[in-house]
Amino acid sequence: MTTEGLRASRRFAPEMALISKPKQVPASRFAQLRPAKLVLWYGDVRDSLPPEVVPYAEITDLLLLTNTGHLPLYHRAGFRVAAFWPLASPPCFAPLPSPPSGRAVDVAFLGNSWPGHTNADDRLNILRQVSQKFQLRLYGKGWKGFRQEEIMGPAIMQDAARALAGAKLTIGMQHYRYVALAQSNRTWTHMSCGKCHLNWYVPDLERLFKHRVHQVFWDDAEELERELRYYLDRPAERLRIGAQARAYILEAHTFDHRVETMHKYLKGQRENTPWEMVLT
């Protein structure tokens, strides 16, 4: 919710208001929407409590966080109800026809290069090792030190879907891979598009996804190479995982599911899913 959105909300007295960018609207102004239920969705992962988030602890009825590892930190800061709210998929993503086998590359990675970020060097080194042994395409900003044909530039929304359709496998790597259940939007994009996604393991990932059912977990570059070779040699298996991933997203991880979950938490209800974590 922006400042303009805040002004508009006052005109029709909403029952519930959600904000995702606390830097844009001071907590004191957001509090003016009372008696509406006030929800803060904070999608970033930070090692310490962001100062702009702290004032929201006193005014919000519900904090929604996209990882479980930092929930205790926010709960101790005074958020009365802090819940894990996994990311989800919008309805616009859909499987696209794969190109003929001779035109599909081995593997795609969707994401920007962020030098100096947590785990940035590890991520870069792993992608360079992949580049030496497989056909790789990088979709995002800032990539250097790769062959010209490997750097494809940014791709978001439907452009991302089309880019992923041109690869047999996709790789996911989180910067904060030591934070339990930390995931990026790209995880859901890959799965929604029906891709066999090889995901860098983070703690408790198995609470959200099943290994070799919804996606494939790996821990280091050597294991990633083994998994890439295994699934490149087995097209039927990677298609099976991709189909199961998309079915799972549609079954439990769309935007509609997340909105329903938010309303239940505001009512004090629970869903009892394997990934549910609510601190009160």
C-alpha atoms as a PDB file:
ATOM      1  CA  MET A   1       0.000   0.000   0.000  1.00  0.00           C
ATOM      2  CA  THR A   2       1.405   3.373  -1.062  1.00  0.00           C
ATOM      3  CA  THR A   3       0.542   6.792   0.357  1.00  0.00           C
ATOM      4  CA  GLU A   4      -1.990   7.210  -2.465  1.00  0.00           C
ATOM      5  CA  GLY A   5      -3.516   3.870  -1.607  1.00  0.00           C
ATOM      6  CA  LEU A   6      -3.759   4.892   2.027  1.00  0.00           C
ATOM      7  CA  ARG A   7      -5.708   8.030   1.109  1.00  0.00           C
ATOM      8  CA  ALA A   8      -8.080   6.027  -1.096  1.00  0.00           C
ATOM      9  CA  SER A   9      -8.627   3.421   1.628  1.00  0.00           C
ATOM     10  CA  ARG A  10      -9.859   6.037   4.090  1.00  0.00           C
ATOM     11  CA  ARG A  11     -12.733   6.887   1.736  1.00  0.00           C
ATOM     12  CA  PHE A  12     -14.422   3.493   1.912  1.00  0.00           C
ATOM     13  CA  ALA A  13     -13.542   2.306   5.437  1.00  0.00           C
ATOM     14  CA  PRO A  14     -12.014  -1.108   4.664  1.00  0.00           C
ATOM     15  CA  GLU A  15     -12.450  -4.115   6.942  1.00  0.00           C
ATOM     16  CA  MET A  16      -8.847  -5.182   6.366  1.00  0.00           C
ATOM     17  CA  ALA A  17      -5.716  -3.433   5.056  1.00  0.00           C
ATOM     18  CA  LEU A  18      -2.413  -5.021   4.027  1.00  0.00           C
ATOM     19  CA  ILE A  19       0.932  -3.303   3.526  1.00  0.00           C
ATOM     20  CA  SER A  20       4.093  -4.840   2.057  1.00  0.00           C
ATOM     21  CA  LYS A  21       6.502  -1.884   1.833  1.00  0.00           C
ATOM     22  CA  PRO A  22       6.781  -0.340   5.329  1.00  0.00           C
ATOM     23  CA  LYS A  23       9.315   2.214   4.058  1.00  0.00           C
ATOM     24  CA  GLN A  24       6.614   3.858   1.953  1.00  0.00           C
ATOM     25  CA  VAL A  25       4.042   4.497   4.687  1.00  0.00           C
ATOM     26  CA  PRO A  26       4.900   5.275   8.342  1.00  0.00           C
ATOM     27  CA  ALA A  27       3.232   2.965  10.849  1.00  0.00           C
ATOM     28  CA  SER A  28       1.444   5.914  12.463  1.00  0.00           C
ATOM     29  CA  ARG A  29      -0.338   6.690   9.206  1.00  0.00           C
ATOM     30  CA  PHE A  30      -1.219   3.058   8.555  1.00  0.00           C
ATOM     31  CA  ALA A  31      -2.745   2.916  12.033  1.00  0.00           C
ATOM     32  CA  GLN A  32      -5.252   5.569  10.964  1.00  0.00           C
ATOM     33  CA  LEU A  33      -7.133   2.883   9.041  1.00  0.00           C
ATOM     34  CA  ARG A  34      -8.480   1.474  12.309  1.00  0.00           C
ATOM     35  CA  PRO A  35     -10.884  -0.151  13.053  1.00  0.00           C
ATOM     36  CA  ALA A  36      -9.795  -2.182  10.004  1.00  0.00           C
ATOM     37  CA  LYS A  37      -7.673  -5.257  10.682  1.00  0.00           C
ATOM     38  CA  LEU A  38      -4.086  -4.291   9.864  1.00  0.00           C
ATOM     39  CA  VAL A  39      -1.707  -6.788   8.249  1.00  0.00           C
ATOM     40  CA  LEU A  40       1.985  -6.432   7.412  1.00  0.00           C
ATOM     41  CA  TRP A  41       3.372  -8.748   4.766  1.00  0.00           C
ATOM     42  CA  TYR A  42       7.169  -8.538   4.812  1.00  0.00           C
ATOM     43  CA  GLY A  43       8.674 -10.468   1.927  1.00  0.00           C
ATOM     44  CA  ASP A  44      12.358  -9.572   2.292  1.00  0.00           C
ATOM     45  CA  VAL A  45      14.873 -11.710   4.180  1.00  0.00           C
ATOM     46  CA  ARG A  46      17.208  -9.799   6.494  1.00  0.00           C
ATOM     47  CA  ASP A  47      19.655 -10.995   9.156  1.00  0.00           C
ATOM     48  CA  SER A  48      18.431  -8.347  11.596  1.00  0.00           C
ATOM     49  CA  LEU A  49      15.120  -6.661  12.240  1.00  0.00           C
ATOM     50  CA  PRO A  50      14.730  -3.778   9.723  1.00  0.00           C
ATOM     51  CA  PRO A  51      14.217  -0.479  11.624  1.00  0.00           C
ATOM     52  CA  GLU A  52      11.259   0.535   9.450  1.00  0.00           C
ATOM     53  CA  VAL A  53       9.427  -2.647  10.477  1.00  0.00           C
ATOM     54  CA  VAL A  54       9.760  -2.209  14.248  1.00  0.00           C
ATOM     55  CA  PRO A  55       6.975   0.428  14.687  1.00  0.00           C
ATOM     56  CA  TYR A  56       4.493  -1.898  12.973  1.00  0.00           C
ATOM     57  CA  ALA A  57       4.717  -4.377  15.852  1.00  0.00           C
ATOM     58  CA  GLU A  58       2.494  -2.189  18.023  1.00  0.00           C
ATOM     59  CA  ILE A  59      -0.246  -1.575  15.474  1.00  0.00           C
ATOM     60  CA  THR A  60      -0.636  -4.673  13.286  1.00  0.00           C
ATOM     61  CA  ASP A  61      -2.956  -7.573  14.005  1.00  0.00           C
ATOM     62  CA  LEU A  62      -0.946  -9.983  11.886  1.00  0.00           C
ATOM     63  CA  LEU A  63       2.590 -10.239  10.480  1.00  0.00           C
ATOM     64  CA  LEU A  64       3.078 -12.473   7.429  1.00  0.00           C
ATOM     65  CA  LEU A  65       6.673 -13.545   6.796  1.00  0.00           C
ATOM     66  CA  THR A  66       7.979 -15.526   3.802  1.00  0.00           C
ATOM     67  CA  ASN A  67      10.341 -17.718   5.834  1.00  0.00           C
ATOM     68  CA  THR A  68      10.116 -19.585   9.128  1.00  0.00           C
ATOM     69  CA  GLY A  69      13.709 -19.060  10.241  1.00  0.00           C
ATOM     70  CA  HIS A  70      13.166 -15.447  11.303  1.00  0.00           C
ATOM     71  CA  LEU A  71       9.660 -15.735  12.736  1.00  0.00           C
ATOM     72  CA  PRO A  72      10.930 -15.942  16.360  1.00  0.00           C
ATOM     73  CA  LEU A  73      12.981 -12.752  15.833  1.00  0.00           C
ATOM     74  CA  TYR A  74       9.892 -10.796  14.765  1.00  0.00           C
ATOM     75  CA  HIS A  75       7.697 -12.333  17.438  1.00  0.00           C
ATOM     76  CA  ARG A  76      10.157 -11.287  20.154  1.00  0.00           C
ATOM     77  CA  ALA A  77      10.053  -7.761  18.700  1.00  0.00           C
ATOM     78  CA  GLY A  78       6.406  -7.504  19.736  1.00  0.00           C
ATOM     79  CA  PHE A  79       4.310  -8.777  16.817  1.00  0.00           C
ATOM     80  CA  ARG A  80       1.339 -10.391  18.546  1.00  0.00           C
ATOM     81  CA  VAL A  81       0.658 -12.872  15.739  1.00  0.00           C
ATOM     82  CA  ALA A  82       3.486 -13.774  13.350  1.00  0.00           C
ATOM     83  CA  ALA A  83       2.846 -16.402  10.696  1.00  0.00           C
ATOM     84  CA  PHE A  84       4.694 -18.082   7.848  1.00  0.00           C
ATOM     85  CA  TRP A  85       3.011 -17.124   4.576  1.00  0.00           C
ATOM     86  CA  PRO A  86       4.721 -18.932   1.693  1.00  0.00           C
ATOM     87  CA  LEU A  87       5.018 -17.170  -1.605  1.00  0.00           C
ATOM     88  CA  ALA A  88       2.591 -18.263  -4.289  1.00  0.00           C
ATOM     89  CA  SER A  89       1.890 -18.229  -8.000  1.00  0.00           C
ATOM     90  CA  PRO A  90      -0.255 -15.834 -10.003  1.00  0.00           C
ATOM     91  CA  PRO A  91      -2.717 -17.358 -12.477  1.00  0.00           C
ATOM     92  CA  CYS A  92      -0.903 -15.943 -15.525  1.00  0.00           C
ATOM     93  CA  PHE A  93       1.810 -18.605 -15.475  1.00  0.00           C
ATOM     94  CA  ALA A  94       1.000 -21.690 -17.501  1.00  0.00           C
ATOM     95  CA  PRO A  95       2.989 -24.434 -19.201  1.00  0.00           C
ATOM     96  CA  LEU A  96       4.123 -23.395 -22.669  1.00  0.00           C
ATOM     97  CA  PRO A  97       4.967 -25.824 -25.480  1.00  0.00           C
ATOM     98  CA  SER A  98       8.549 -26.952 -25.154  1.00  0.00           C
ATOM     99  CA  PRO A  99      10.765 -26.377 -28.192  1.00  0.00           C
ATOM    100  CA  PRO A 100      12.007 -29.337 -30.231  1.00  0.00           C
ATOM    101  CA  SER A 101      14.618 -31.294 -28.309  1.00  0.00           C
ATOM    102  CA  GLY A 102      17.376 -30.052 -30.568  1.00  0.00           C
ATOM    103  CA  ARG A 103      16.629 -26.434 -29.642  1.00  0.00           C
ATOM    104  CA  ALA A 104      16.105 -26.769 -25.877  1.00  0.00           C
ATOM    105  CA  VAL A 105      19.130 -25.924 -23.730  1.00  0.00           C
ATOM    106  CA  ASP A 106      20.111 -28.073 -20.767  1.00  0.00           C
ATOM    107  CA  VAL A 107      19.452 -25.686 -17.913  1.00  0.00           C
ATOM    108  CA  ALA A 108      18.235 -22.155 -17.171  1.00  0.00           C
ATOM    109  CA  PHE A 109      18.771 -19.906 -14.175  1.00  0.00           C
ATOM    110  CA  LEU A 110      16.431 -16.996 -13.549  1.00  0.00           C
ATOM    111  CA  GLY A 111      17.752 -14.249 -11.256  1.00  0.00           C
ATOM    112  CA  ASN A 112      20.039 -11.225 -11.015  1.00  0.00           C
ATOM    113  CA  SER A 113      23.701 -11.110 -10.074  1.00  0.00           C
ATOM    114  CA  TRP A 114      24.195  -9.276  -6.769  1.00  0.00           C
ATOM    115  CA  PRO A 115      27.945  -9.007  -5.994  1.00  0.00           C
ATOM    116  CA  GLY A 116      28.562  -8.692  -2.270  1.00  0.00           C
ATOM    117  CA  HIS A 117      25.212 -10.227  -1.317  1.00  0.00           C
ATOM    118  CA  THR A 118      25.082 -13.148   1.093  1.00  0.00           C
ATOM    119  CA  ASN A 119      26.233 -16.344  -0.700  1.00  0.00           C
ATOM    120  CA  ALA A 120      26.778 -14.379  -3.934  1.00  0.00           C
ATOM    121  CA  ASP A 121      30.260 -15.852  -4.483  1.00  0.00           C
ATOM    122  CA  ASP A 122      29.029 -19.405  -3.885  1.00  0.00           C
ATOM    123  CA  ARG A 123      26.176 -18.884  -6.313  1.00  0.00           C
ATOM    124  CA  LEU A 124      28.479 -17.450  -8.959  1.00  0.00           C
ATOM    125  CA  ASN A 125      30.999 -20.276  -8.598  1.00  0.00           C
ATOM    126  CA  ILE A 126      28.299 -22.928  -8.894  1.00  0.00           C
ATOM    127  CA  LEU A 127      26.888 -21.360 -12.056  1.00  0.00           C
ATOM    128  CA  ARG A 128      30.388 -21.189 -13.558  1.00  0.00           C
ATOM    129  CA  GLN A 129      30.861 -24.895 -12.904  1.00  0.00           C
ATOM    130  CA  VAL A 130      27.505 -25.603 -14.527  1.00  0.00           C
ATOM    131  CA  SER A 131      28.538 -23.461 -17.504  1.00  0.00           C
ATOM    132  CA  GLN A 132      31.661 -25.583 -18.051  1.00  0.00           C
ATOM    133  CA  LYS A 133      29.713 -28.829 -18.400  1.00  0.00           C
ATOM    134  CA  PHE A 134      26.199 -27.981 -19.604  1.00  0.00           C
ATOM    135  CA  GLN A 135      24.323 -25.640 -21.918  1.00  0.00           C
ATOM    136  CA  LEU A 136      23.380 -22.776 -19.590  1.00  0.00           C
ATOM    137  CA  ARG A 137      21.168 -19.726 -20.061  1.00  0.00           C
ATOM    138  CA  LEU A 138      21.162 -16.886 -17.504  1.00  0.00           C
ATOM    139  CA  TYR A 139      18.101 -14.628 -17.363  1.00  0.00           C
ATOM    140  CA  GLY A 140      18.651 -11.521 -15.239  1.00  0.00           C
ATOM    141  CA  LYS A 141      20.778  -8.426 -14.729  1.00  0.00           C
ATOM    142  CA  GLY A 142      24.459  -8.008 -13.933  1.00  0.00           C
ATOM    143  CA  TRP A 143      25.922 -11.307 -15.139  1.00  0.00           C
ATOM    144  CA  LYS A 144      29.570 -11.123 -16.206  1.00  0.00           C
ATOM    145  CA  GLY A 145      32.280 -13.665 -16.889  1.00  0.00           C
ATOM    146  CA  PHE A 146      30.064 -16.003 -18.917  1.00  0.00           C
ATOM    147  CA  ARG A 147      29.932 -16.653 -22.654  1.00  0.00           C
ATOM    148  CA  GLN A 148      27.916 -14.139 -24.627  1.00  0.00           C
ATOM    149  CA  GLU A 149      25.355 -16.724 -25.718  1.00  0.00           C
ATOM    150  CA  GLU A 150      24.682 -17.647 -22.079  1.00  0.00           C
ATOM    151  CA  ILE A 151      23.613 -14.152 -20.939  1.00  0.00           C
ATOM    152  CA  MET A 152      20.044 -13.514 -22.029  1.00  0.00           C
ATOM    153  CA  GLY A 153      19.082 -10.378 -20.077  1.00  0.00           C
ATOM    154  CA  PRO A 154      16.095  -9.842 -17.749  1.00  0.00           C
ATOM    155  CA  ALA A 155      12.925 -11.895 -18.114  1.00  0.00           C
ATOM    156  CA  ILE A 156       9.865 -11.369 -15.919  1.00  0.00           C
ATOM    157  CA  MET A 157       6.264 -12.568 -15.911  1.00  0.00           C
ATOM    158  CA  GLN A 158       5.316 -14.134 -19.271  1.00  0.00           C
ATOM    159  CA  ASP A 159       8.777 -13.472 -20.707  1.00  0.00           C
ATOM    160  CA  ALA A 160      10.134 -15.587 -17.860  1.00  0.00           C
ATOM    161  CA  ALA A 161       7.649 -18.338 -18.646  1.00  0.00           C
ATOM    162  CA  ARG A 162       8.725 -18.388 -22.287  1.00  0.00           C
ATOM    163  CA  ALA A 163      12.386 -18.423 -21.269  1.00  0.00           C
ATOM    164  CA  LEU A 164      11.867 -21.365 -18.948  1.00  0.00           C
ATOM    165  CA  ALA A 165      10.010 -23.282 -21.645  1.00  0.00           C
ATOM    166  CA  GLY A 166      13.233 -23.323 -23.650  1.00  0.00           C
ATOM    167  CA  ALA A 167      15.187 -25.263 -21.010  1.00  0.00           C
ATOM    168  CA  LYS A 168      15.014 -28.912 -20.011  1.00  0.00           C
ATOM    169  CA  LEU A 169      15.817 -28.163 -16.358  1.00  0.00           C
ATOM    170  CA  THR A 170      15.921 -25.112 -14.088  1.00  0.00           C
ATOM    171  CA  ILE A 171      18.097 -24.256 -11.089  1.00  0.00           C
ATOM    172  CA  GLY A 172      17.104 -22.317  -7.972  1.00  0.00           C
ATOM    173  CA  MET A 173      19.569 -20.762  -5.516  1.00  0.00           C
ATOM    174  CA  GLN A 174      18.591 -18.656  -2.492  1.00  0.00           C
ATOM    175  CA  HIS A 175      20.962 -16.016  -1.140  1.00  0.00           C
ATOM    176  CA  TYR A 176      19.892 -16.741   2.455  1.00  0.00           C
ATOM    177  CA  ARG A 177      20.131 -20.513   2.156  1.00  0.00           C
ATOM    178  CA  TYR A 178      20.743 -20.968   5.898  1.00  0.00           C
ATOM    179  CA  VAL A 179      17.347 -19.412   6.766  1.00  0.00           C
ATOM    180  CA  ALA A 180      14.634 -22.039   7.184  1.00  0.00           C
ATOM    181  CA  LEU A 181      12.125 -22.116   4.320  1.00  0.00           C
ATOM    182  CA  ALA A 182      13.519 -18.997   2.644  1.00  0.00           C
ATOM    183  CA  GLN A 183      12.368 -19.030  -0.975  1.00  0.00           C
ATOM    184  CA  SER A 184      12.127 -16.530  -3.815  1.00  0.00           C
ATOM    185  CA  ASN A 185       9.273 -15.837  -6.205  1.00  0.00           C
ATOM    186  CA  ARG A 186      11.258 -17.648  -8.875  1.00  0.00           C
ATOM    187  CA  THR A 187      10.706 -20.990  -7.131  1.00  0.00           C
ATOM    188  CA  TRP A 188       6.978 -20.673  -7.711  1.00  0.00           C
ATOM    189  CA  THR A 189       7.416 -19.385 -11.260  1.00  0.00           C
ATOM    190  CA  HIS A 190       9.462 -22.449 -12.235  1.00  0.00           C
ATOM    191  CA  MET A 191       6.981 -24.861 -10.708  1.00  0.00           C
ATOM    192  CA  SER A 192       3.914 -23.091 -12.090  1.00  0.00           C
ATOM    193  CA  CYS A 193       5.397 -23.402 -15.564  1.00  0.00           C
ATOM    194  CA  GLY A 194       5.676 -27.148 -15.093  1.00  0.00           C
ATOM    195  CA  LYS A 195       9.465 -27.304 -14.994  1.00  0.00           C
ATOM    196  CA  CYS A 196      11.611 -29.868 -13.243  1.00  0.00           C
ATOM    197  CA  HIS A 197      13.260 -27.514 -10.766  1.00  0.00           C
ATOM    198  CA  LEU A 198      16.542 -28.324  -8.992  1.00  0.00           C
ATOM    199  CA  ASN A 199      16.503 -26.278  -5.802  1.00  0.00           C
ATOM    200  CA  TRP A 200      19.422 -25.469  -3.482  1.00  0.00           C
ATOM    201  CA  TYR A 201      18.383 -26.960  -0.150  1.00  0.00           C
ATOM    202  CA  VAL A 202      17.416 -24.689   2.748  1.00  0.00           C
ATOM    203  CA  PRO A 203      16.475 -25.976   6.234  1.00  0.00           C
ATOM    204  CA  ASP A 204      12.985 -27.512   6.444  1.00  0.00           C
ATOM    205  CA  LEU A 205      12.444 -27.392   2.686  1.00  0.00           C
ATOM    206  CA  GLU A 206      10.847 -30.824   2.942  1.00  0.00           C
ATOM    207  CA  ARG A 207       7.992 -29.297   4.974  1.00  0.00           C
ATOM    208  CA  LEU A 208       6.948 -27.376   1.873  1.00  0.00           C
ATOM    209  CA  PHE A 209       8.004 -29.603  -1.030  1.00  0.00           C
ATOM    210  CA  LYS A 210       8.674 -33.304  -1.537  1.00  0.00           C
ATOM    211  CA  HIS A 211      12.087 -34.276  -2.887  1.00  0.00           C
ATOM    212  CA  ARG A 212      11.861 -35.838  -6.365  1.00  0.00           C
ATOM    213  CA  VAL A 213       8.094 -35.290  -6.356  1.00  0.00           C
ATOM    214  CA  HIS A 214       7.605 -31.503  -6.521  1.00  0.00           C
ATOM    215  CA  GLN A 215      11.248 -30.563  -7.116  1.00  0.00           C
ATOM    216  CA  VAL A 216      14.771 -31.933  -6.633  1.00  0.00           C
ATOM    217  CA  PHE A 217      16.957 -30.847  -3.697  1.00  0.00           C
ATOM    218  CA  TRP A 218      20.750 -30.529  -3.844  1.00  0.00           C
ATOM    219  CA  ASP A 219      23.430 -29.303  -1.415  1.00  0.00           C
ATOM    220  CA  ASP A 220      26.605 -28.539  -3.368  1.00  0.00           C
ATOM    221  CA  ALA A 221      28.013 -28.217  -6.892  1.00  0.00           C
ATOM    222  CA  GLU A 222      28.986 -31.879  -7.136  1.00  0.00           C
ATOM    223  CA  GLU A 223      25.502 -33.059  -6.185  1.00  0.00           C
ATOM    224  CA  LEU A 224      23.941 -30.552  -8.571  1.00  0.00           C
ATOM    225  CA  GLU A 225      26.050 -31.908 -11.428  1.00  0.00           C
ATOM    226  CA  ARG A 226      24.967 -35.474 -10.662  1.00  0.00           C
ATOM    227  CA  GLU A 227      21.303 -34.472 -10.575  1.00  0.00           C
ATOM    228  CA  LEU A 228      21.562 -32.500 -13.806  1.00  0.00           C
ATOM    229  CA  ARG A 229      23.119 -35.453 -15.619  1.00  0.00           C
ATOM    230  CA  TYR A 230      20.559 -37.845 -14.150  1.00  0.00           C
ATOM    231  CA  TYR A 231      17.504 -35.865 -15.249  1.00  0.00           C
ATOM    232  CA  LEU A 232      18.921 -34.788 -18.609  1.00  0.00           C
ATOM    233  CA  ASP A 233      19.173 -38.505 -19.405  1.00  0.00           C
ATOM    234  CA  ARG A 234      15.609 -39.168 -18.221  1.00  0.00           C
ATOM    235  CA  PRO A 235      13.111 -36.884 -20.002  1.00  0.00           C
ATOM    236  CA  ALA A 236      10.094 -38.842 -18.752  1.00  0.00           C
ATOM    237  CA  GLU A 237      11.128 -38.341 -15.114  1.00  0.00           C
ATOM    238  CA  ARG A 238      11.702 -34.610 -15.452  1.00  0.00           C
ATOM    239  CA  LEU A 239       8.347 -34.210 -17.210  1.00  0.00           C
ATOM    240  CA  ARG A 240       6.685 -36.154 -14.396  1.00  0.00           C
ATOM    241  CA  ILE A 241       8.194 -33.910 -11.724  1.00  0.00           C
ATOM    242  CA  GLY A 242       7.256 -30.791 -13.674  1.00  0.00           C
ATOM    243  CA  ALA A 243       3.642 -31.916 -14.002  1.00  0.00           C
ATOM    244  CA  GLN A 244       3.430 -32.822 -10.313  1.00  0.00           C
ATOM    245  CA  ALA A 245       4.946 -29.462  -9.359  1.00  0.00           C
ATOM    246  CA  ARG A 246       2.344 -27.533 -11.323  1.00  0.00           C
ATOM    247  CA  ALA A 247      -0.505 -29.648  -9.939  1.00  0.00           C
ATOM    248  CA  TYR A 248       0.752 -29.006  -6.409  1.00  0.00           C
ATOM    249  CA  ILE A 249       0.875 -25.250  -6.994  1.00  0.00           C
ATOM    250  CA  LEU A 250      -2.697 -25.226  -8.296  1.00  0.00           C
ATOM    251  CA  GLU A 251      -3.848 -27.391  -5.405  1.00  0.00           C
ATOM    252  CA  ALA A 252      -2.378 -25.396  -2.523  1.00  0.00           C
ATOM    253  CA  HIS A 253      -0.195 -22.436  -3.519  1.00  0.00           C
ATOM    254  CA  THR A 254      -2.061 -19.870  -5.599  1.00  0.00           C
ATOM    255  CA  PHE A 255      -2.781 -16.280  -4.571  1.00  0.00           C
ATOM    256  CA  ASP A 256      -6.347 -17.331  -3.747  1.00  0.00           C
ATOM    257  CA  HIS A 257      -5.027 -19.877  -1.250  1.00  0.00           C
ATOM    258  CA  ARG A 258      -2.874 -17.243   0.446  1.00  0.00           C
ATOM    259  CA  VAL A 259      -5.751 -14.771   0.802  1.00  0.00           C
ATOM    260  CA  GLU A 260      -7.908 -17.478   2.350  1.00  0.00           C
ATOM    261  CA  THR A 261      -5.125 -18.339   4.793  1.00  0.00           C
ATOM    262  CA  MET A 262      -4.702 -14.686   5.795  1.00  0.00           C
ATOM    263  CA  HIS A 263      -8.395 -14.340   6.621  1.00  0.00           C
ATOM    264  CA  LYS A 264      -8.304 -17.521   8.724  1.00  0.00           C
ATOM    265  CA  TYR A 265      -5.346 -16.248  10.746  1.00  0.00           C
ATOM    266  CA  LEU A 266      -7.110 -12.947  11.384  1.00  0.00           C
ATOM    267  CA  LYS A 267     -10.001 -14.975  12.813  1.00  0.00           C
ATOM    268  CA  GLY A 268      -7.669 -17.008  15.035  1.00  0.00           C
ATOM    269  CA  GLN A 269      -8.149 -20.156  12.934  1.00  0.00           C
ATOM    270  CA  ARG A 270      -5.498 -22.576  11.668  1.00  0.00           C
ATOM    271  CA  GLU A 271      -5.100 -24.755   8.552  1.00  0.00           C
ATOM    272  CA  ASN A 272      -2.851 -27.523   9.958  1.00  0.00           C
ATOM    273  CA  THR A 273      -0.753 -27.799   6.809  1.00  0.00           C
ATOM    274  CA  PRO A 274       2.713 -29.395   7.029  1.00  0.00           C
ATOM    275  CA  TRP A 275       4.325 -25.988   6.536  1.00  0.00           C
ATOM    276  CA  GLU A 276       2.148 -24.002   8.930  1.00  0.00           C
ATOM    277  CA  MET A 277       3.930 -21.986  11.623  1.00  0.00           C
ATOM    278  CA  VAL A 278       2.094 -19.350  13.664  1.00  0.00           C
ATOM    279  CA  LEU A 279       3.545 -17.664  16.766  1.00  0.00           C
ATOM    280  CA  THR A 280       1.123 -15.942  19.145  1.00  0.00           C
END
